[in-house]
Amino acid sequence: MTIDEMIAVLQAAKQEKKILDFTNGHGIETNVRERLSIIDIRVAPEPREIWLPISRDGKTMDGFSSAEKCRAYWPGCEPTIFREVLEDDK
């Protein structure tokens, strides 16, 4: 089953349409929510990133979403990126 086919099944289930399971060769009505509830899958979070301007004397200032915005606001600073470390919860 392709990702697009999976999305189509989920969209149909969201619209409360009948979903058939053909795992054993013949279509048996199934509940997608119940079937998916037995596995623990989810979209992995993306680490957050923030750019901090660091002055010549080592002090930090406000955070920005990009190095360019950082340089524009604090000319002469050295933008440094800080990336969140995500803990594995298993």
N, C-alpha and C. Protein backbone atom coordinates (compact mmCIF):
# COMPACT_ATOMS: atom_id res chain seq x y z
N MET A 1 0.85 -1.17 0.00
CA MET A 1 0.00 0.00 0.00
C MET A 1 0.90 1.24 0.00
N THR A 2 0.60 2.17 -0.87
CA THR A 2 1.39 3.39 -0.95
C THR A 2 0.94 4.39 0.13
N ILE A 3 1.75 5.39 0.35
CA ILE A 3 1.39 6.45 1.31
C ILE A 3 0.09 7.14 0.85
N ASP A 4 -0.03 7.40 -0.44
CA ASP A 4 -1.25 8.05 -0.95
C ASP A 4 -2.49 7.18 -0.69
N GLU A 5 -2.35 5.88 -0.85
CA GLU A 5 -3.47 4.98 -0.57
C GLU A 5 -3.79 4.97 0.93
N MET A 6 -2.78 5.03 1.77
CA MET A 6 -2.99 5.09 3.22
C MET A 6 -3.74 6.37 3.59
N ILE A 7 -3.32 7.47 2.99
CA ILE A 7 -3.99 8.76 3.26
C ILE A 7 -5.45 8.69 2.83
N ALA A 8 -5.70 8.08 1.67
CA ALA A 8 -7.08 7.96 1.18
C ALA A 8 -7.94 7.15 2.15
N VAL A 9 -7.39 6.07 2.71
CA VAL A 9 -8.13 5.26 3.67
C VAL A 9 -8.41 6.08 4.94
N LEU A 10 -7.41 6.80 5.42
CA LEU A 10 -7.62 7.62 6.62
C LEU A 10 -8.64 8.72 6.38
N GLN A 11 -8.58 9.36 5.21
CA GLN A 11 -9.56 10.40 4.91
C GLN A 11 -10.97 9.81 4.82
N ALA A 12 -11.09 8.64 4.23
CA ALA A 12 -12.40 7.98 4.15
C ALA A 12 -12.89 7.61 5.55
N ALA A 13 -12.01 7.12 6.40
CA ALA A 13 -12.39 6.77 7.78
C ALA A 13 -12.84 8.03 8.53
N LYS A 14 -12.17 9.13 8.29
CA LYS A 14 -12.55 10.39 8.94
C LYS A 14 -13.95 10.82 8.51
N GLN A 15 -14.30 10.50 7.27
CA GLN A 15 -15.64 10.82 6.75
C GLN A 15 -16.66 9.74 7.12
N GLU A 16 -16.24 8.80 7.97
CA GLU A 16 -17.09 7.72 8.47
C GLU A 16 -17.61 6.80 7.36
N LYS A 17 -16.76 6.61 6.33
CA LYS A 17 -17.10 5.67 5.27
C LYS A 17 -16.71 4.26 5.71
N LYS A 18 -17.33 3.26 5.09
CA LYS A 18 -17.03 1.86 5.40
C LYS A 18 -15.62 1.54 4.88
N ILE A 19 -14.80 0.92 5.73
CA ILE A 19 -13.44 0.52 5.38
C ILE A 19 -13.36 -1.01 5.41
N LEU A 20 -12.78 -1.57 4.36
CA LEU A 20 -12.65 -3.02 4.26
C LEU A 20 -11.20 -3.44 4.39
N ASP A 21 -10.96 -4.51 5.13
CA ASP A 21 -9.63 -5.08 5.33
C ASP A 21 -9.51 -6.31 4.44
N PHE A 22 -8.54 -6.29 3.51
CA PHE A 22 -8.34 -7.39 2.58
C PHE A 22 -7.11 -8.23 2.93
N THR A 23 -6.68 -8.18 4.18
CA THR A 23 -5.48 -8.90 4.62
C THR A 23 -5.57 -10.39 4.30
N ASN A 24 -6.72 -10.98 4.52
CA ASN A 24 -6.89 -12.43 4.31
C ASN A 24 -7.53 -12.76 2.96
N GLY A 25 -7.51 -11.82 2.04
CA GLY A 25 -8.02 -12.10 0.70
C GLY A 25 -9.43 -11.65 0.42
N HIS A 26 -10.27 -11.51 1.45
CA HIS A 26 -11.62 -11.05 1.24
C HIS A 26 -11.89 -9.85 2.14
N GLY A 27 -12.68 -8.92 1.64
CA GLY A 27 -12.94 -7.68 2.37
C GLY A 27 -13.81 -7.87 3.58
N ILE A 28 -13.26 -7.60 4.74
CA ILE A 28 -14.00 -7.66 6.00
C ILE A 28 -14.04 -6.24 6.56
N GLU A 29 -15.23 -5.79 6.93
CA GLU A 29 -15.35 -4.44 7.46
C GLU A 29 -14.48 -4.31 8.71
N THR A 30 -13.78 -3.18 8.79
CA THR A 30 -12.87 -2.96 9.91
C THR A 30 -12.96 -1.52 10.39
N ASN A 31 -12.46 -1.30 11.59
CA ASN A 31 -12.42 0.03 12.19
C ASN A 31 -10.96 0.49 12.19
N VAL A 32 -10.66 1.49 11.38
CA VAL A 32 -9.28 1.97 11.24
C VAL A 32 -8.73 2.46 12.57
N ARG A 33 -9.53 3.18 13.32
CA ARG A 33 -9.07 3.71 14.62
C ARG A 33 -8.65 2.57 15.55
N GLU A 34 -9.47 1.52 15.61
CA GLU A 34 -9.12 0.37 16.47
C GLU A 34 -7.87 -0.34 15.97
N ARG A 35 -7.76 -0.50 14.65
CA ARG A 35 -6.60 -1.20 14.08
C ARG A 35 -5.31 -0.42 14.35
N LEU A 36 -5.36 0.90 14.21
CA LEU A 36 -4.16 1.70 14.42
C LEU A 36 -3.84 1.91 15.90
N SER A 37 -4.83 1.72 16.77
CA SER A 37 -4.59 1.94 18.20
C SER A 37 -3.71 0.86 18.82
N ILE A 38 -3.52 -0.25 18.13
CA ILE A 38 -2.68 -1.32 18.69
C ILE A 38 -1.19 -1.10 18.43
N ILE A 39 -0.87 -0.10 17.61
CA ILE A 39 0.54 0.22 17.37
C ILE A 39 0.81 1.64 17.83
N ASP A 40 2.02 1.91 18.22
CA ASP A 40 2.37 3.24 18.72
C ASP A 40 3.27 3.92 17.69
N ILE A 41 2.63 4.62 16.74
CA ILE A 41 3.38 5.36 15.74
C ILE A 41 2.95 6.81 15.80
N ARG A 42 3.88 7.70 15.49
CA ARG A 42 3.57 9.13 15.47
C ARG A 42 4.64 9.86 14.68
N VAL A 43 4.36 11.07 14.31
CA VAL A 43 5.32 11.89 13.60
C VAL A 43 6.39 12.33 14.60
N ALA A 44 7.64 12.14 14.21
CA ALA A 44 8.75 12.55 15.08
C ALA A 44 8.83 14.07 15.14
N PRO A 45 9.02 14.63 16.32
CA PRO A 45 9.13 16.08 16.41
C PRO A 45 10.43 16.58 15.81
N GLU A 46 10.40 17.79 15.28
CA GLU A 46 11.59 18.44 14.76
C GLU A 46 12.22 19.25 15.89
N PRO A 47 13.54 19.22 16.01
CA PRO A 47 14.17 20.04 17.05
C PRO A 47 13.99 21.53 16.73
N ARG A 48 13.74 22.31 17.75
CA ARG A 48 13.62 23.75 17.56
C ARG A 48 15.01 24.35 17.41
N GLU A 49 15.10 25.41 16.61
CA GLU A 49 16.38 26.11 16.40
C GLU A 49 16.17 27.58 16.69
N ILE A 50 17.18 28.17 17.30
CA ILE A 50 17.15 29.61 17.58
C ILE A 50 18.56 30.16 17.34
N TRP A 51 18.61 31.33 16.74
CA TRP A 51 19.89 32.00 16.51
C TRP A 51 20.07 33.09 17.56
N LEU A 52 21.20 33.06 18.22
CA LEU A 52 21.50 34.09 19.23
C LEU A 52 22.70 34.90 18.77
N PRO A 53 22.56 36.22 18.83
CA PRO A 53 23.72 37.05 18.54
C PRO A 53 24.63 37.05 19.77
N ILE A 54 25.89 36.80 19.54
CA ILE A 54 26.85 36.83 20.65
C ILE A 54 27.78 38.00 20.41
N SER A 55 27.83 38.90 21.39
CA SER A 55 28.65 40.10 21.25
C SER A 55 30.13 39.77 21.41
N ARG A 56 30.98 40.74 21.10
CA ARG A 56 32.43 40.52 21.19
C ARG A 56 32.87 40.16 22.61
N ASP A 57 32.12 40.63 23.61
CA ASP A 57 32.49 40.32 25.00
C ASP A 57 31.80 39.04 25.49
N GLY A 58 31.14 38.29 24.58
CA GLY A 58 30.57 36.99 24.92
C GLY A 58 29.16 37.01 25.46
N LYS A 59 28.53 38.17 25.45
CA LYS A 59 27.15 38.25 25.95
C LYS A 59 26.17 37.89 24.84
N THR A 60 25.06 37.28 25.25
CA THR A 60 24.01 36.97 24.28
C THR A 60 22.88 37.96 24.41
N MET A 61 22.10 38.05 23.35
CA MET A 61 20.98 38.99 23.31
C MET A 61 19.73 38.22 22.89
N ASP A 62 18.76 38.91 22.31
CA ASP A 62 17.51 38.28 21.88
C ASP A 62 17.75 37.17 20.86
N GLY A 63 16.86 36.17 20.83
CA GLY A 63 16.94 35.09 19.86
C GLY A 63 16.18 35.41 18.59
N PHE A 64 16.61 34.83 17.47
CA PHE A 64 16.00 35.07 16.17
C PHE A 64 15.80 33.75 15.43
N SER A 65 14.94 33.77 14.41
CA SER A 65 14.64 32.55 13.65
C SER A 65 15.65 32.28 12.54
N SER A 66 16.56 33.22 12.25
CA SER A 66 17.57 33.00 11.22
C SER A 66 18.81 33.84 11.52
N ALA A 67 19.93 33.43 10.93
CA ALA A 67 21.18 34.19 11.09
C ALA A 67 21.05 35.56 10.45
N GLU A 68 20.33 35.65 9.32
CA GLU A 68 20.17 36.92 8.61
C GLU A 68 19.42 37.94 9.47
N LYS A 69 18.34 37.48 10.11
CA LYS A 69 17.57 38.38 10.99
C LYS A 69 18.42 38.81 12.17
N CYS A 70 19.22 37.90 12.66
CA CYS A 70 20.10 38.16 13.79
C CYS A 70 21.11 39.26 13.42
N ARG A 71 21.76 39.10 12.26
CA ARG A 71 22.76 40.10 11.81
C ARG A 71 22.11 41.45 11.51
N ALA A 72 20.89 41.42 10.95
CA ALA A 72 20.21 42.67 10.62
C ALA A 72 19.88 43.47 11.88
N TYR A 73 19.50 42.77 12.93
CA TYR A 73 19.10 43.45 14.17
C TYR A 73 20.31 43.88 15.00
N TRP A 74 21.34 43.04 15.03
CA TRP A 74 22.54 43.32 15.81
C TRP A 74 23.77 43.29 14.90
N PRO A 75 24.00 44.32 14.08
CA PRO A 75 25.17 44.33 13.19
C PRO A 75 26.47 44.15 13.99
N GLY A 76 27.38 43.39 13.43
CA GLY A 76 28.66 43.19 14.09
C GLY A 76 28.69 42.01 15.05
N CYS A 77 27.55 41.40 15.31
CA CYS A 77 27.52 40.25 16.21
C CYS A 77 27.88 38.99 15.45
N GLU A 78 28.15 37.93 16.17
CA GLU A 78 28.39 36.61 15.57
C GLU A 78 27.18 35.73 15.87
N PRO A 79 26.28 35.52 14.89
CA PRO A 79 25.12 34.68 15.13
C PRO A 79 25.53 33.23 15.37
N THR A 80 24.98 32.64 16.40
CA THR A 80 25.27 31.25 16.74
C THR A 80 23.95 30.50 16.84
N ILE A 81 23.91 29.34 16.20
CA ILE A 81 22.67 28.56 16.22
C ILE A 81 22.67 27.63 17.43
N PHE A 82 21.51 27.55 18.08
CA PHE A 82 21.30 26.61 19.18
C PHE A 82 20.17 25.69 18.73
N ARG A 83 20.43 24.39 18.77
CA ARG A 83 19.44 23.41 18.33
C ARG A 83 19.04 22.55 19.52
N GLU A 84 17.74 22.40 19.68
CA GLU A 84 17.19 21.60 20.77
C GLU A 84 17.62 20.14 20.61
N VAL A 85 17.97 19.51 21.72
CA VAL A 85 18.27 18.09 21.74
C VAL A 85 17.02 17.38 22.24
N LEU A 86 16.46 16.52 21.40
CA LEU A 86 15.24 15.82 21.77
C LEU A 86 15.60 14.50 22.46
N GLU A 87 15.05 14.31 23.63
CA GLU A 87 15.27 13.08 24.38
C GLU A 87 14.43 11.98 23.80
N ASP A 88 14.98 10.80 23.67
CA ASP A 88 14.21 9.66 23.22
C ASP A 88 13.39 9.17 24.41
N ASP A 89 12.06 9.13 24.28
CA ASP A 89 11.23 8.78 25.44
C ASP A 89 11.04 7.28 25.59
N LYS A 90 11.94 6.49 25.05
CA LYS A 90 11.85 5.04 25.25
C LYS A 90 13.08 4.53 25.96
